[in-house]
Amino acid sequence: MLRSKSLDRDSYNSGDWFNRLDFSYNSNNWGVGLPPEEKNEKNWPLIRPRLADPSFKPQKSHILAAVENFLDVLQIRYSSPLFCLRTANAIQERVRFLNTGPSSVHGVIVMSIEDGHRGFPGLSQLDPMYSSIVVIFNACPMEVSFASHALRARTFQLHPVQVMSADKIVKSSSYEASLGCFTVPPRTTSVFVECREIQL
């Protein structure tokens, strides 16, 4: 719901004035006042002009877009048991973080989750639909590309929920199999899936 709390960094004791939720999505409670002094005073010089600037106030369309994007995330979350690994051992066996080391791309997290399939014969199969998932979090203000030799010559495609999303930006995410290269738009989280081969 794009809840703002008017930039209150800790609204636990701030009451409904700062924590109000508008289920009509007309407002996200932006700019209702300076957040309480106790935990925010040192940031008031930064906060005050932003709360007063009307260009910072989101429109209803922005709030609705945030709600739609959140619903997309929930759909993706429930689309695969690989997003719900139940033990530390299962996570350690299946989850890898690939953008690491001195040559890593700053501001980008690349996470892969493998299920039992040809390339990982030692793993049991949890997901009847996807054999592998790659999630890329791009916090950068520009498009980024990430290539991995381990992910070359695969059949990754953008998650069906994101293909059908109202968010046009995420739809420009892509995967180039010959290079094992994923391209993700600015400030976007893209989910790529590899569909399981159907045995006839």
N, C-alpha and C. Protein backbone atom coordinates (compact mmCIF):
# COMPACT_ATOMS: atom_id res chain seq x y z
N MET A 1 0.82 -1.21 0.00
CA MET A 1 0.00 0.00 0.00
C MET A 1 0.86 1.26 0.00
N LEU A 2 2.17 1.09 -0.19
CA LEU A 2 3.10 2.21 -0.27
C LEU A 2 3.02 3.08 0.98
N ARG A 3 2.87 2.43 2.12
CA ARG A 3 2.72 3.16 3.38
C ARG A 3 3.95 4.00 3.66
N SER A 4 3.76 5.27 3.96
CA SER A 4 4.90 6.20 4.11
C SER A 4 5.28 6.48 5.55
N LYS A 5 4.29 6.55 6.45
CA LYS A 5 4.50 6.94 7.84
C LYS A 5 5.17 8.32 7.93
N SER A 6 5.08 9.08 6.84
CA SER A 6 5.70 10.42 6.76
C SER A 6 7.16 10.39 7.20
N LEU A 7 7.86 9.33 6.79
CA LEU A 7 9.30 9.15 7.02
C LEU A 7 9.66 8.89 8.48
N ASP A 8 8.69 8.50 9.28
CA ASP A 8 8.99 8.13 10.67
C ASP A 8 9.81 6.85 10.65
N ARG A 9 11.02 6.89 11.21
CA ARG A 9 11.91 5.73 11.13
C ARG A 9 11.52 4.61 12.09
N ASP A 10 10.71 4.92 13.10
CA ASP A 10 10.25 3.90 14.05
C ASP A 10 8.89 4.35 14.57
N SER A 11 7.83 3.88 13.93
CA SER A 11 6.49 4.40 14.23
C SER A 11 5.73 3.56 15.25
N TYR A 12 6.43 2.69 15.96
CA TYR A 12 5.76 1.78 16.90
C TYR A 12 4.89 2.54 17.90
N ASN A 13 5.39 3.66 18.42
CA ASN A 13 4.64 4.44 19.41
C ASN A 13 4.06 5.73 18.84
N SER A 14 3.94 5.80 17.52
CA SER A 14 3.50 7.05 16.90
C SER A 14 2.00 7.16 16.70
N GLY A 15 1.26 6.11 17.01
CA GLY A 15 -0.19 6.18 16.94
C GLY A 15 -0.72 6.18 15.51
N ASP A 16 -2.04 6.33 15.40
CA ASP A 16 -2.71 6.26 14.10
C ASP A 16 -2.40 7.45 13.21
N TRP A 17 -1.98 8.57 13.81
CA TRP A 17 -1.72 9.75 12.98
C TRP A 17 -0.65 9.46 11.93
N PHE A 18 0.37 8.71 12.32
CA PHE A 18 1.44 8.39 11.37
C PHE A 18 1.29 6.99 10.78
N ASN A 19 0.54 6.11 11.43
CA ASN A 19 0.42 4.73 10.98
C ASN A 19 -0.87 4.43 10.22
N ARG A 20 -1.66 5.44 9.94
CA ARG A 20 -2.97 5.23 9.32
C ARG A 20 -2.85 4.52 7.97
N LEU A 21 -3.75 3.58 7.73
CA LEU A 21 -3.86 2.89 6.45
C LEU A 21 -5.14 3.32 5.76
N ASP A 22 -5.06 3.63 4.49
CA ASP A 22 -6.23 4.04 3.71
C ASP A 22 -6.54 2.94 2.70
N PHE A 23 -7.56 2.15 2.99
CA PHE A 23 -7.88 1.02 2.12
C PHE A 23 -8.63 1.44 0.86
N SER A 24 -8.90 2.73 0.71
CA SER A 24 -9.43 3.23 -0.56
C SER A 24 -8.29 3.54 -1.53
N TYR A 25 -7.05 3.53 -0.99
CA TYR A 25 -5.84 3.79 -1.78
C TYR A 25 -5.75 5.22 -2.32
N ASN A 26 -6.49 6.13 -1.71
CA ASN A 26 -6.41 7.53 -2.13
C ASN A 26 -5.21 8.24 -1.53
N SER A 27 -4.72 7.75 -0.40
CA SER A 27 -3.61 8.41 0.29
C SER A 27 -2.73 7.35 0.96
N ASN A 28 -1.44 7.66 1.05
CA ASN A 28 -0.56 6.78 1.82
C ASN A 28 -0.05 7.48 3.08
N ASN A 29 -0.77 8.54 3.46
CA ASN A 29 -0.48 9.26 4.71
C ASN A 29 0.84 10.02 4.65
N TRP A 30 1.20 10.46 3.47
CA TRP A 30 2.43 11.22 3.28
C TRP A 30 2.23 12.68 3.69
N GLY A 31 3.20 13.22 4.41
CA GLY A 31 3.22 14.64 4.72
C GLY A 31 2.19 15.09 5.73
N VAL A 32 1.84 14.23 6.70
CA VAL A 32 0.85 14.63 7.70
C VAL A 32 1.49 15.36 8.87
N GLY A 33 2.80 15.51 8.85
CA GLY A 33 3.51 16.23 9.90
C GLY A 33 4.91 15.67 10.08
N LEU A 34 5.75 16.44 10.78
CA LEU A 34 7.08 15.93 11.09
C LEU A 34 6.96 14.73 12.03
N PRO A 35 7.65 13.65 11.75
CA PRO A 35 7.57 12.50 12.65
C PRO A 35 8.11 12.84 14.03
N PRO A 36 7.70 12.12 15.06
CA PRO A 36 8.02 12.46 16.45
C PRO A 36 9.52 12.69 16.68
N GLU A 37 9.77 13.60 17.60
CA GLU A 37 11.11 14.08 17.88
C GLU A 37 12.06 12.99 18.36
N GLU A 38 11.58 12.09 19.21
CA GLU A 38 12.46 11.15 19.92
C GLU A 38 13.45 10.43 19.01
N LYS A 39 12.98 9.88 17.90
CA LYS A 39 13.86 9.09 17.04
C LYS A 39 14.06 9.71 15.66
N ASN A 40 13.55 10.92 15.46
CA ASN A 40 13.61 11.51 14.13
C ASN A 40 14.21 12.91 14.08
N GLU A 41 14.42 13.53 15.23
CA GLU A 41 14.80 14.95 15.24
C GLU A 41 16.06 15.24 14.43
N LYS A 42 17.06 14.38 14.53
CA LYS A 42 18.31 14.66 13.82
C LYS A 42 18.13 14.62 12.30
N ASN A 43 17.05 13.99 11.84
CA ASN A 43 16.77 13.94 10.40
C ASN A 43 15.75 14.98 9.95
N TRP A 44 15.23 15.77 10.87
CA TRP A 44 14.23 16.77 10.50
C TRP A 44 14.70 17.69 9.37
N PRO A 45 15.97 18.18 9.38
CA PRO A 45 16.39 19.05 8.28
C PRO A 45 16.29 18.37 6.91
N LEU A 46 16.47 17.07 6.88
CA LEU A 46 16.34 16.32 5.64
C LEU A 46 14.88 16.03 5.32
N ILE A 47 14.11 15.72 6.35
CA ILE A 47 12.72 15.31 6.18
C ILE A 47 11.80 16.47 5.83
N ARG A 48 11.98 17.61 6.52
CA ARG A 48 11.04 18.73 6.41
C ARG A 48 10.80 19.17 4.96
N PRO A 49 11.85 19.47 4.17
CA PRO A 49 11.58 19.93 2.80
C PRO A 49 10.94 18.86 1.91
N ARG A 50 11.22 17.61 2.18
CA ARG A 50 10.64 16.54 1.37
C ARG A 50 9.15 16.36 1.66
N LEU A 51 8.79 16.48 2.92
CA LEU A 51 7.36 16.39 3.26
C LEU A 51 6.58 17.55 2.69
N ALA A 52 7.24 18.70 2.53
CA ALA A 52 6.57 19.90 2.02
C ALA A 52 6.51 19.93 0.49
N ASP A 53 7.28 19.10 -0.16
CA ASP A 53 7.36 19.12 -1.63
C ASP A 53 6.24 18.27 -2.21
N PRO A 54 5.28 18.88 -2.93
CA PRO A 54 4.14 18.11 -3.46
C PRO A 54 4.54 17.04 -4.48
N SER A 55 5.71 17.19 -5.08
CA SER A 55 6.13 16.19 -6.07
C SER A 55 6.49 14.85 -5.43
N PHE A 56 6.70 14.85 -4.11
CA PHE A 56 7.01 13.60 -3.40
C PHE A 56 5.74 12.82 -3.03
N LYS A 57 4.60 13.47 -3.10
CA LYS A 57 3.35 12.82 -2.67
C LYS A 57 2.85 11.88 -3.77
N PRO A 58 2.74 10.59 -3.48
CA PRO A 58 2.29 9.66 -4.51
C PRO A 58 0.82 9.85 -4.88
N GLN A 59 0.52 9.60 -6.13
CA GLN A 59 -0.86 9.63 -6.61
C GLN A 59 -1.50 8.26 -6.37
N LYS A 60 -2.81 8.22 -6.52
CA LYS A 60 -3.52 6.95 -6.33
C LYS A 60 -2.98 5.88 -7.28
N SER A 61 -2.63 6.27 -8.49
CA SER A 61 -2.11 5.30 -9.47
C SER A 61 -0.81 4.67 -8.98
N HIS A 62 0.03 5.45 -8.28
CA HIS A 62 1.27 4.90 -7.73
C HIS A 62 0.98 3.87 -6.64
N ILE A 63 0.01 4.20 -5.79
CA ILE A 63 -0.34 3.30 -4.69
C ILE A 63 -0.93 2.00 -5.23
N LEU A 64 -1.81 2.12 -6.23
CA LEU A 64 -2.40 0.92 -6.83
C LEU A 64 -1.34 0.06 -7.51
N ALA A 65 -0.36 0.71 -8.15
CA ALA A 65 0.73 -0.04 -8.79
C ALA A 65 1.53 -0.80 -7.75
N ALA A 66 1.78 -0.17 -6.60
CA ALA A 66 2.51 -0.85 -5.52
C ALA A 66 1.74 -2.06 -5.01
N VAL A 67 0.43 -1.92 -4.89
CA VAL A 67 -0.41 -3.04 -4.45
C VAL A 67 -0.34 -4.17 -5.46
N GLU A 68 -0.46 -3.83 -6.75
CA GLU A 68 -0.41 -4.86 -7.80
C GLU A 68 0.94 -5.57 -7.81
N ASN A 69 2.01 -4.81 -7.65
CA ASN A 69 3.34 -5.42 -7.63
C ASN A 69 3.51 -6.36 -6.43
N PHE A 70 2.96 -5.95 -5.29
CA PHE A 70 3.03 -6.81 -4.11
C PHE A 70 2.25 -8.10 -4.32
N LEU A 71 1.09 -8.00 -4.96
CA LEU A 71 0.30 -9.20 -5.25
C LEU A 71 1.05 -10.12 -6.21
N ASP A 72 1.79 -9.53 -7.16
CA ASP A 72 2.63 -10.33 -8.06
C ASP A 72 3.68 -11.11 -7.26
N VAL A 73 4.31 -10.43 -6.30
CA VAL A 73 5.33 -11.08 -5.48
C VAL A 73 4.72 -12.26 -4.71
N LEU A 74 3.53 -12.06 -4.16
CA LEU A 74 2.87 -13.16 -3.44
C LEU A 74 2.57 -14.34 -4.37
N GLN A 75 2.10 -14.04 -5.58
CA GLN A 75 1.82 -15.11 -6.54
C GLN A 75 3.09 -15.89 -6.87
N ILE A 76 4.18 -15.16 -7.08
CA ILE A 76 5.45 -15.82 -7.38
C ILE A 76 5.90 -16.67 -6.20
N ARG A 77 5.77 -16.11 -5.02
CA ARG A 77 6.17 -16.83 -3.80
C ARG A 77 5.46 -18.18 -3.68
N TYR A 78 4.18 -18.21 -4.02
CA TYR A 78 3.41 -19.44 -3.87
C TYR A 78 3.43 -20.32 -5.12
N SER A 79 4.17 -19.90 -6.14
CA SER A 79 4.20 -20.66 -7.39
C SER A 79 5.15 -21.84 -7.34
N SER A 80 6.03 -21.89 -6.34
CA SER A 80 7.00 -22.97 -6.28
C SER A 80 7.37 -23.31 -4.84
N PRO A 81 7.44 -24.61 -4.52
CA PRO A 81 7.91 -25.00 -3.18
C PRO A 81 9.38 -24.65 -2.96
N LEU A 82 10.10 -24.31 -4.02
CA LEU A 82 11.50 -23.91 -3.87
C LEU A 82 11.63 -22.58 -3.12
N PHE A 83 10.55 -21.81 -3.06
CA PHE A 83 10.55 -20.57 -2.29
C PHE A 83 10.17 -20.82 -0.83
N CYS A 84 9.97 -22.08 -0.47
CA CYS A 84 9.54 -22.41 0.89
C CYS A 84 10.33 -23.60 1.42
N LEU A 85 11.64 -23.53 1.30
CA LEU A 85 12.49 -24.60 1.81
C LEU A 85 12.41 -24.62 3.33
N ARG A 86 12.24 -25.79 3.91
CA ARG A 86 11.86 -25.88 5.32
C ARG A 86 13.00 -26.11 6.29
N THR A 87 14.18 -26.42 5.81
CA THR A 87 15.29 -26.67 6.73
C THR A 87 16.55 -25.94 6.26
N ALA A 88 17.45 -25.71 7.21
CA ALA A 88 18.73 -25.08 6.88
C ALA A 88 19.50 -25.94 5.89
N ASN A 89 19.41 -27.24 6.05
CA ASN A 89 20.12 -28.15 5.16
C ASN A 89 19.60 -28.04 3.73
N ALA A 90 18.28 -27.94 3.58
CA ALA A 90 17.69 -27.81 2.24
C ALA A 90 18.14 -26.51 1.58
N ILE A 91 18.21 -25.44 2.36
CA ILE A 91 18.66 -24.15 1.83
C ILE A 91 20.12 -24.23 1.40
N GLN A 92 20.95 -24.82 2.24
CA GLN A 92 22.37 -24.92 1.92
C GLN A 92 22.62 -25.80 0.69
N GLU A 93 21.79 -26.80 0.48
CA GLU A 93 21.95 -27.69 -0.67
C GLU A 93 21.52 -27.03 -1.98
N ARG A 94 20.50 -26.18 -1.92
CA ARG A 94 19.85 -25.73 -3.14
C ARG A 94 20.09 -24.26 -3.50
N VAL A 95 20.34 -23.42 -2.52
CA VAL A 95 20.43 -21.97 -2.77
C VAL A 95 21.88 -21.54 -2.94
N ARG A 96 22.13 -20.75 -3.97
CA ARG A 96 23.46 -20.20 -4.22
C ARG A 96 23.33 -18.70 -4.49
N PHE A 97 24.33 -17.95 -4.04
CA PHE A 97 24.43 -16.52 -4.37
C PHE A 97 25.62 -16.36 -5.30
N LEU A 98 25.35 -15.87 -6.50
CA LEU A 98 26.33 -15.94 -7.58
C LEU A 98 27.12 -14.66 -7.80
N ASN A 99 26.58 -13.53 -7.43
CA ASN A 99 27.27 -12.25 -7.67
C ASN A 99 28.15 -11.94 -6.46
N THR A 100 29.28 -12.64 -6.35
CA THR A 100 30.14 -12.51 -5.18
C THR A 100 31.59 -12.27 -5.61
N GLY A 101 32.42 -11.91 -4.64
CA GLY A 101 33.84 -11.74 -4.91
C GLY A 101 34.20 -10.35 -5.39
N PRO A 102 35.48 -10.11 -5.66
CA PRO A 102 35.96 -8.76 -6.01
C PRO A 102 35.41 -8.23 -7.33
N SER A 103 34.97 -9.12 -8.22
CA SER A 103 34.45 -8.66 -9.51
C SER A 103 32.92 -8.55 -9.51
N SER A 104 32.30 -8.63 -8.34
CA SER A 104 30.84 -8.59 -8.26
C SER A 104 30.30 -7.24 -8.71
N VAL A 105 29.07 -7.26 -9.22
CA VAL A 105 28.38 -6.04 -9.63
C VAL A 105 27.72 -5.45 -8.39
N HIS A 106 28.12 -4.24 -8.02
CA HIS A 106 27.59 -3.61 -6.81
C HIS A 106 26.10 -3.30 -6.96
N GLY A 107 25.37 -3.48 -5.86
CA GLY A 107 23.94 -3.17 -5.85
C GLY A 107 23.07 -4.25 -6.45
N VAL A 108 23.65 -5.42 -6.69
CA VAL A 108 22.91 -6.50 -7.35
C VAL A 108 23.08 -7.80 -6.56
N ILE A 109 21.97 -8.47 -6.28
CA ILE A 109 21.99 -9.80 -5.65
C ILE A 109 21.46 -10.80 -6.68
N VAL A 110 22.21 -11.86 -6.89
CA VAL A 110 21.79 -12.92 -7.81
C VAL A 110 21.69 -14.22 -7.02
N MET A 111 20.48 -14.74 -6.91
CA MET A 111 20.22 -15.95 -6.13
C MET A 111 19.67 -17.03 -7.05
N SER A 112 20.25 -18.21 -6.98
CA SER A 112 19.71 -19.34 -7.73
C SER A 112 19.21 -20.40 -6.76
N ILE A 113 18.14 -21.08 -7.15
CA ILE A 113 17.58 -22.18 -6.37
C ILE A 113 17.43 -23.36 -7.31
N GLU A 114 18.12 -24.45 -7.00
CA GLU A 114 18.10 -25.62 -7.87
C GLU A 114 17.22 -26.72 -7.28
N ASP A 115 16.50 -27.39 -8.19
CA ASP A 115 15.73 -28.56 -7.79
C ASP A 115 16.38 -29.79 -8.41
N GLY A 116 15.93 -30.97 -8.03
CA GLY A 116 16.49 -32.19 -8.59
C GLY A 116 16.21 -32.28 -10.08
N HIS A 117 17.26 -32.38 -10.90
CA HIS A 117 17.12 -32.55 -12.34
C HIS A 117 18.44 -33.05 -12.89
N ARG A 118 18.57 -33.08 -14.19
CA ARG A 118 19.73 -33.66 -14.85
C ARG A 118 21.06 -33.08 -14.34
N GLY A 119 21.10 -31.75 -14.19
CA GLY A 119 22.35 -31.11 -13.77
C GLY A 119 22.64 -31.27 -12.29
N PHE A 120 21.63 -31.59 -11.50
CA PHE A 120 21.80 -31.75 -10.05
C PHE A 120 21.15 -33.06 -9.63
N PRO A 121 21.73 -34.18 -10.03
CA PRO A 121 21.09 -35.49 -9.81
C PRO A 121 20.99 -35.88 -8.35
N GLY A 122 21.78 -35.28 -7.47
CA GLY A 122 21.76 -35.67 -6.06
C GLY A 122 20.61 -35.07 -5.28
N LEU A 123 19.90 -34.11 -5.87
CA LEU A 123 18.80 -33.45 -5.17
C LEU A 123 17.48 -34.15 -5.45
N SER A 124 16.65 -34.21 -4.42
CA SER A 124 15.30 -34.73 -4.63
C SER A 124 14.46 -33.66 -5.33
N GLN A 125 13.44 -34.10 -6.03
CA GLN A 125 12.58 -33.15 -6.75
C GLN A 125 11.48 -32.65 -5.84
N LEU A 126 11.38 -31.34 -5.71
CA LEU A 126 10.32 -30.71 -4.92
C LEU A 126 9.26 -30.06 -5.79
N ASP A 127 9.69 -29.52 -6.93
CA ASP A 127 8.80 -28.73 -7.78
C ASP A 127 8.50 -29.50 -9.07
N PRO A 128 7.22 -29.81 -9.33
CA PRO A 128 6.89 -30.54 -10.55
C PRO A 128 7.00 -29.69 -11.82
N MET A 129 7.07 -28.37 -11.65
CA MET A 129 7.05 -27.48 -12.81
C MET A 129 8.42 -26.90 -13.16
N TYR A 130 9.16 -26.42 -12.13
CA TYR A 130 10.42 -25.73 -12.39
C TYR A 130 11.60 -26.54 -11.84
N SER A 131 12.64 -26.65 -12.66
CA SER A 131 13.85 -27.34 -12.22
C SER A 131 14.86 -26.38 -11.62
N SER A 132 14.71 -25.09 -11.91
CA SER A 132 15.64 -24.09 -11.39
C SER A 132 14.99 -22.72 -11.43
N ILE A 133 15.38 -21.87 -10.48
CA ILE A 133 14.88 -20.50 -10.41
C ILE A 133 16.06 -19.58 -10.16
N VAL A 134 16.08 -18.45 -10.85
CA VAL A 134 17.08 -17.41 -10.60
C VAL A 134 16.34 -16.11 -10.28
N VAL A 135 16.68 -15.52 -9.14
CA VAL A 135 16.08 -14.24 -8.73
C VAL A 135 17.19 -13.20 -8.71
N ILE A 136 16.95 -12.08 -9.39
CA ILE A 136 17.95 -11.01 -9.45
C ILE A 136 17.33 -9.73 -8.90
N PHE A 137 17.96 -9.22 -7.85
CA PHE A 137 17.54 -7.96 -7.22
C PHE A 137 18.49 -6.87 -7.71
N ASN A 138 17.98 -5.94 -8.48
CA ASN A 138 18.80 -4.84 -8.98
C ASN A 138 18.38 -3.55 -8.29
N ALA A 139 19.20 -3.09 -7.33
CA ALA A 139 18.90 -1.85 -6.61
C ALA A 139 19.51 -0.64 -7.29
N CYS A 140 20.18 -0.85 -8.41
CA CYS A 140 20.89 0.24 -9.10
C CYS A 140 19.92 1.11 -9.91
N PRO A 141 20.28 2.38 -10.14
CA PRO A 141 19.44 3.26 -10.95
C PRO A 141 19.62 3.05 -12.44
N MET A 142 20.34 1.99 -12.82
CA MET A 142 20.52 1.70 -14.24
C MET A 142 20.34 0.20 -14.48
N GLU A 143 20.08 -0.13 -15.74
CA GLU A 143 19.98 -1.53 -16.13
C GLU A 143 21.30 -2.24 -15.87
N VAL A 144 21.23 -3.49 -15.44
CA VAL A 144 22.46 -4.27 -15.22
C VAL A 144 22.36 -5.61 -15.94
N SER A 145 23.52 -6.12 -16.31
CA SER A 145 23.61 -7.45 -16.89
C SER A 145 24.55 -8.29 -16.04
N PHE A 146 24.19 -9.54 -15.86
CA PHE A 146 25.02 -10.46 -15.08
C PHE A 146 25.13 -11.77 -15.85
N ALA A 147 26.37 -12.21 -16.06
CA ALA A 147 26.60 -13.46 -16.79
C ALA A 147 27.26 -14.49 -15.88
N SER A 148 26.84 -15.72 -16.02
CA SER A 148 27.41 -16.83 -15.24
C SER A 148 27.63 -18.02 -16.16
N HIS A 149 28.86 -18.52 -16.17
CA HIS A 149 29.17 -19.69 -16.99
C HIS A 149 28.29 -20.88 -16.58
N ALA A 150 28.01 -20.98 -15.29
CA ALA A 150 27.20 -22.10 -14.79
C ALA A 150 25.76 -22.05 -15.28
N LEU A 151 25.32 -20.88 -15.76
CA LEU A 151 23.94 -20.72 -16.20
C LEU A 151 23.82 -20.59 -17.71
N ARG A 152 24.89 -20.94 -18.43
CA ARG A 152 24.85 -20.90 -19.89
C ARG A 152 24.08 -22.10 -20.43
N ALA A 153 23.55 -21.90 -21.66
CA ALA A 153 22.86 -22.98 -22.39
C ALA A 153 21.72 -23.59 -21.59
N ARG A 154 21.02 -22.75 -20.87
CA ARG A 154 19.86 -23.20 -20.11
C ARG A 154 18.60 -22.65 -20.79
N THR A 155 17.45 -22.91 -20.22
CA THR A 155 16.19 -22.50 -20.86
C THR A 155 15.40 -21.53 -19.97
N PHE A 156 16.10 -20.64 -19.28
CA PHE A 156 15.42 -19.71 -18.38
C PHE A 156 14.53 -18.75 -19.16
N GLN A 157 13.41 -18.43 -18.55
CA GLN A 157 12.51 -17.41 -19.07
C GLN A 157 11.92 -16.63 -17.90
N LEU A 158 11.45 -15.44 -18.18
CA LEU A 158 10.86 -14.62 -17.13
C LEU A 158 9.65 -15.35 -16.55
N HIS A 159 9.49 -15.25 -15.24
CA HIS A 159 8.38 -15.93 -14.57
C HIS A 159 7.05 -15.51 -15.21
N PRO A 160 6.13 -16.46 -15.44
CA PRO A 160 4.85 -16.13 -16.09
C PRO A 160 4.07 -15.01 -15.41
N VAL A 161 4.16 -14.90 -14.09
CA VAL A 161 3.47 -13.82 -13.39
C VAL A 161 4.03 -12.47 -13.82
N GLN A 162 5.34 -12.38 -14.00
CA GLN A 162 5.93 -11.11 -14.43
C GLN A 162 5.70 -10.86 -15.92
N VAL A 163 5.61 -11.91 -16.70
CA VAL A 163 5.26 -11.74 -18.12
C VAL A 163 3.88 -11.10 -18.25
N MET A 164 2.97 -11.49 -17.37
CA MET A 164 1.59 -10.98 -17.42
C MET A 164 1.38 -9.76 -16.52
N SER A 165 2.42 -9.28 -15.88
CA SER A 165 2.31 -8.19 -14.91
C SER A 165 1.87 -6.88 -15.56
N ALA A 166 1.20 -6.05 -14.78
CA ALA A 166 0.88 -4.69 -15.23
C ALA A 166 2.13 -3.81 -15.24
N ASP A 167 3.18 -4.26 -14.57
CA ASP A 167 4.45 -3.53 -14.54
C ASP A 167 5.19 -3.75 -15.86
N LYS A 168 5.21 -2.71 -16.69
CA LYS A 168 5.83 -2.84 -18.02
C LYS A 168 7.35 -2.92 -17.93
N ILE A 169 7.92 -2.37 -16.87
CA ILE A 169 9.38 -2.33 -16.75
C ILE A 169 9.96 -3.72 -16.59
N VAL A 170 9.38 -4.51 -15.70
CA VAL A 170 9.93 -5.85 -15.43
C VAL A 170 9.89 -6.73 -16.68
N LYS A 171 8.96 -6.44 -17.58
CA LYS A 171 8.82 -7.26 -18.79
C LYS A 171 10.01 -7.16 -19.72
N SER A 172 10.83 -6.13 -19.55
CA SER A 172 12.01 -5.98 -20.41
C SER A 172 13.19 -6.81 -19.91
N SER A 173 13.03 -7.51 -18.80
CA SER A 173 14.08 -8.41 -18.31
C SER A 173 14.31 -9.51 -19.35
N SER A 174 15.57 -9.96 -19.46
CA SER A 174 15.86 -10.96 -20.49
C SER A 174 16.99 -11.90 -20.07
N TYR A 175 17.07 -13.00 -20.80
CA TYR A 175 18.12 -14.00 -20.58
C TYR A 175 18.67 -14.42 -21.93
N GLU A 176 19.99 -14.38 -22.08
CA GLU A 176 20.68 -14.82 -23.30
C GLU A 176 21.40 -16.13 -23.00
N ALA A 177 20.87 -17.22 -23.53
CA ALA A 177 21.37 -18.56 -23.17
C ALA A 177 22.82 -18.78 -23.58
N SER A 178 23.23 -18.27 -24.73
CA SER A 178 24.59 -18.54 -25.21
C SER A 178 25.65 -17.94 -24.30
N LEU A 179 25.29 -16.87 -23.59
CA LEU A 179 26.23 -16.21 -22.68
C LEU A 179 25.93 -16.48 -21.21
N GLY A 180 24.79 -17.08 -20.95
CA GLY A 180 24.35 -17.23 -19.55
C GLY A 180 24.14 -15.88 -18.92
N CYS A 181 23.64 -14.93 -19.72
CA CYS A 181 23.56 -13.52 -19.29
C CYS A 181 22.12 -13.09 -19.04
N PHE A 182 21.89 -12.53 -17.86
CA PHE A 182 20.59 -11.99 -17.48
C PHE A 182 20.68 -10.47 -17.49
N THR A 183 19.66 -9.81 -18.03
CA THR A 183 19.60 -8.35 -18.02
C THR A 183 18.34 -7.93 -17.29
N VAL A 184 18.52 -7.02 -16.32
CA VAL A 184 17.42 -6.60 -15.44
C VAL A 184 17.33 -5.08 -15.43
N PRO A 185 16.13 -4.53 -15.56
CA PRO A 185 15.96 -3.07 -15.58
C PRO A 185 16.34 -2.43 -14.25
N PRO A 186 16.44 -1.09 -14.22
CA PRO A 186 16.78 -0.38 -12.98
C PRO A 186 15.78 -0.65 -11.87
N ARG A 187 16.30 -0.76 -10.65
CA ARG A 187 15.48 -0.88 -9.43
C ARG A 187 14.34 -1.90 -9.61
N THR A 188 14.71 -3.07 -10.05
CA THR A 188 13.73 -4.11 -10.37
C THR A 188 14.20 -5.45 -9.81
N THR A 189 13.25 -6.24 -9.36
CA THR A 189 13.53 -7.63 -9.01
C THR A 189 12.89 -8.52 -10.07
N SER A 190 13.71 -9.30 -10.75
CA SER A 190 13.23 -10.18 -11.82
C SER A 190 13.43 -11.63 -11.41
N VAL A 191 12.43 -12.44 -11.73
CA VAL A 191 12.47 -13.87 -11.40
C VAL A 191 12.45 -14.66 -12.71
N PHE A 192 13.46 -15.49 -12.89
CA PHE A 192 13.56 -16.34 -14.08
C PHE A 192 13.38 -17.80 -13.67
N VAL A 193 12.66 -18.54 -14.48
CA VAL A 193 12.40 -19.94 -14.17
C VAL A 193 12.82 -20.82 -15.34
N GLU A 194 13.24 -22.02 -15.00
CA GLU A 194 13.56 -23.02 -16.02
C GLU A 194 12.53 -24.13 -15.89
N CYS A 195 11.70 -24.26 -16.91
CA CYS A 195 10.63 -25.26 -16.85
C CYS A 195 11.22 -26.66 -16.95
N ARG A 196 10.63 -27.54 -16.21
CA ARG A 196 11.11 -28.93 -16.17
C ARG A 196 10.80 -29.63 -17.50
N GLU A 197 11.74 -30.44 -17.95
CA GLU A 197 11.52 -31.22 -19.17
C GLU A 197 10.45 -32.27 -18.90
N ILE A 198 9.50 -32.34 -19.81
CA ILE A 198 8.40 -33.31 -19.67
C ILE A 198 8.83 -34.64 -20.28
N GLN A 199 8.79 -35.66 -19.47
CA GLN A 199 9.16 -37.00 -19.95
C GLN A 199 7.95 -37.65 -20.63
N LEU A 200 8.11 -38.00 -21.89
CA LEU A 200 7.01 -38.62 -22.64
C LEU A 200 7.12 -40.14 -22.59
